[in-house]
Amino acid sequence: MDSEKRLAIFERARSRAEAAGTPIESDPQFTAWVGQWIQGEIDLNELKHRYGELLKDRAVLKRDAIP
């Protein structure tokens, strides 16, 4: 799949999410990973893995911040 198709897929997903009132991840690291996926530098499984790790890290930070 070429980058134009991946970009179109992402844009459709973003449009559907926005129409449903679902926020799209705005973390700069996630945005960079999406760009890497669009350019074909990483595959979708790697993007999912990285995002999962980002979410785990956030959960740990949130857990540790609770007194």
C-alpha atoms as a PDB file:
ATOM      1  CA  MET A   1       0.000   0.000   0.000  1.00  0.00           C
ATOM      2  CA  ASP A   2       1.369   3.404  -0.879  1.00  0.00           C
ATOM      3  CA  SER A   3       1.484   6.508   1.305  1.00  0.00           C
ATOM      4  CA  GLU A   4      -1.449   8.151  -0.483  1.00  0.00           C
ATOM      5  CA  LYS A   5      -3.702   5.216   0.413  1.00  0.00           C
ATOM      6  CA  ARG A   6      -2.500   5.178   4.034  1.00  0.00           C
ATOM      7  CA  LEU A   7      -3.098   8.926   4.311  1.00  0.00           C
ATOM      8  CA  ALA A   8      -6.610   8.510   2.892  1.00  0.00           C
ATOM      9  CA  ILE A   9      -7.304   5.732   5.410  1.00  0.00           C
ATOM     10  CA  PHE A  10      -6.139   7.919   8.284  1.00  0.00           C
ATOM     11  CA  GLU A  11      -8.144  10.909   7.085  1.00  0.00           C
ATOM     12  CA  ARG A  12     -11.322   8.796   6.798  1.00  0.00           C
ATOM     13  CA  ALA A  13     -10.782   7.383  10.281  1.00  0.00           C
ATOM     14  CA  ARG A  14     -10.208  10.862  11.690  1.00  0.00           C
ATOM     15  CA  SER A  15     -13.320  12.208   9.962  1.00  0.00           C
ATOM     16  CA  ARG A  16     -15.467   9.355  11.295  1.00  0.00           C
ATOM     17  CA  ALA A  17     -14.131   9.854  14.821  1.00  0.00           C
ATOM     18  CA  GLU A  18     -14.719  13.601  14.712  1.00  0.00           C
ATOM     19  CA  ALA A  19     -18.246  13.097  13.370  1.00  0.00           C
ATOM     20  CA  ALA A  20     -18.933  10.734  16.266  1.00  0.00           C
ATOM     21  CA  GLY A  21     -17.527  13.226  18.768  1.00  0.00           C
ATOM     22  CA  THR A  22     -14.589  10.990  19.593  1.00  0.00           C
ATOM     23  CA  PRO A  23     -11.354  12.868  20.177  1.00  0.00           C
ATOM     24  CA  ILE A  24      -8.307  11.863  18.170  1.00  0.00           C
ATOM     25  CA  GLU A  25      -5.035  11.350  20.014  1.00  0.00           C
ATOM     26  CA  SER A  26      -3.074  14.601  19.967  1.00  0.00           C
ATOM     27  CA  ASP A  27       0.175  13.447  21.548  1.00  0.00           C
ATOM     28  CA  PRO A  28       3.065  14.629  19.346  1.00  0.00           C
ATOM     29  CA  GLN A  29       4.743  11.225  19.581  1.00  0.00           C
ATOM     30  CA  PHE A  30       1.609   9.478  18.340  1.00  0.00           C
ATOM     31  CA  THR A  31       1.290  11.993  15.521  1.00  0.00           C
ATOM     32  CA  ALA A  32       4.901  11.298  14.522  1.00  0.00           C
ATOM     33  CA  TRP A  33       4.233   7.546  14.523  1.00  0.00           C
ATOM     34  CA  VAL A  34       1.178   8.027  12.319  1.00  0.00           C
ATOM     35  CA  GLY A  35       3.396   9.996   9.944  1.00  0.00           C
ATOM     36  CA  GLN A  36       5.893   7.124   9.924  1.00  0.00           C
ATOM     37  CA  TRP A  37       3.077   4.682   9.159  1.00  0.00           C
ATOM     38  CA  ILE A  38       1.758   6.902   6.355  1.00  0.00           C
ATOM     39  CA  GLN A  39       5.261   7.069   4.847  1.00  0.00           C
ATOM     40  CA  GLY A  40       5.614   3.276   5.103  1.00  0.00           C
ATOM     41  CA  GLU A  41       8.476   3.452   7.602  1.00  0.00           C
ATOM     42  CA  ILE A  42       6.602   1.296  10.134  1.00  0.00           C
ATOM     43  CA  ASP A  43       3.698  -1.099   9.720  1.00  0.00           C
ATOM     44  CA  LEU A  44       0.309  -0.849  11.383  1.00  0.00           C
ATOM     45  CA  ASN A  45       1.162  -3.496  13.980  1.00  0.00           C
ATOM     46  CA  GLU A  46       4.185  -1.466  15.072  1.00  0.00           C
ATOM     47  CA  LEU A  47       2.039   1.678  15.314  1.00  0.00           C
ATOM     48  CA  LYS A  48      -0.473  -0.200  17.469  1.00  0.00           C
ATOM     49  CA  HIS A  49       2.306  -1.590  19.649  1.00  0.00           C
ATOM     50  CA  ARG A  50       3.897   1.809  20.194  1.00  0.00           C
ATOM     51  CA  TYR A  51       0.552   3.395  20.994  1.00  0.00           C
ATOM     52  CA  GLY A  52      -0.224   0.613  23.460  1.00  0.00           C
ATOM     53  CA  GLU A  53       3.083   1.266  25.194  1.00  0.00           C
ATOM     54  CA  LEU A  54       2.311   4.989  25.316  1.00  0.00           C
ATOM     55  CA  LEU A  55      -1.037   4.236  26.967  1.00  0.00           C
ATOM     56  CA  LYS A  56       0.632   1.905  29.493  1.00  0.00           C
ATOM     57  CA  ASP A  57       3.189   4.571  30.350  1.00  0.00           C
ATOM     58  CA  ARG A  58       0.410   7.108  30.890  1.00  0.00           C
ATOM     59  CA  ALA A  59      -1.458   4.720  33.161  1.00  0.00           C
ATOM     60  CA  VAL A  60       1.679   4.186  35.259  1.00  0.00           C
ATOM     61  CA  LEU A  61       2.278   7.935  35.533  1.00  0.00           C
ATOM     62  CA  LYS A  62      -1.336   8.518  36.511  1.00  0.00           C
ATOM     63  CA  ARG A  63      -1.243   5.684  39.050  1.00  0.00           C
ATOM     64  CA  ASP A  64       1.995   6.948  40.571  1.00  0.00           C
ATOM     65  CA  ALA A  65       0.647  10.503  40.805  1.00  0.00           C
ATOM     66  CA  ILE A  66      -2.266   9.450  43.016  1.00  0.00           C
ATOM     67  CA  PRO A  67      -1.340  10.066  46.682  1.00  0.00           C
END
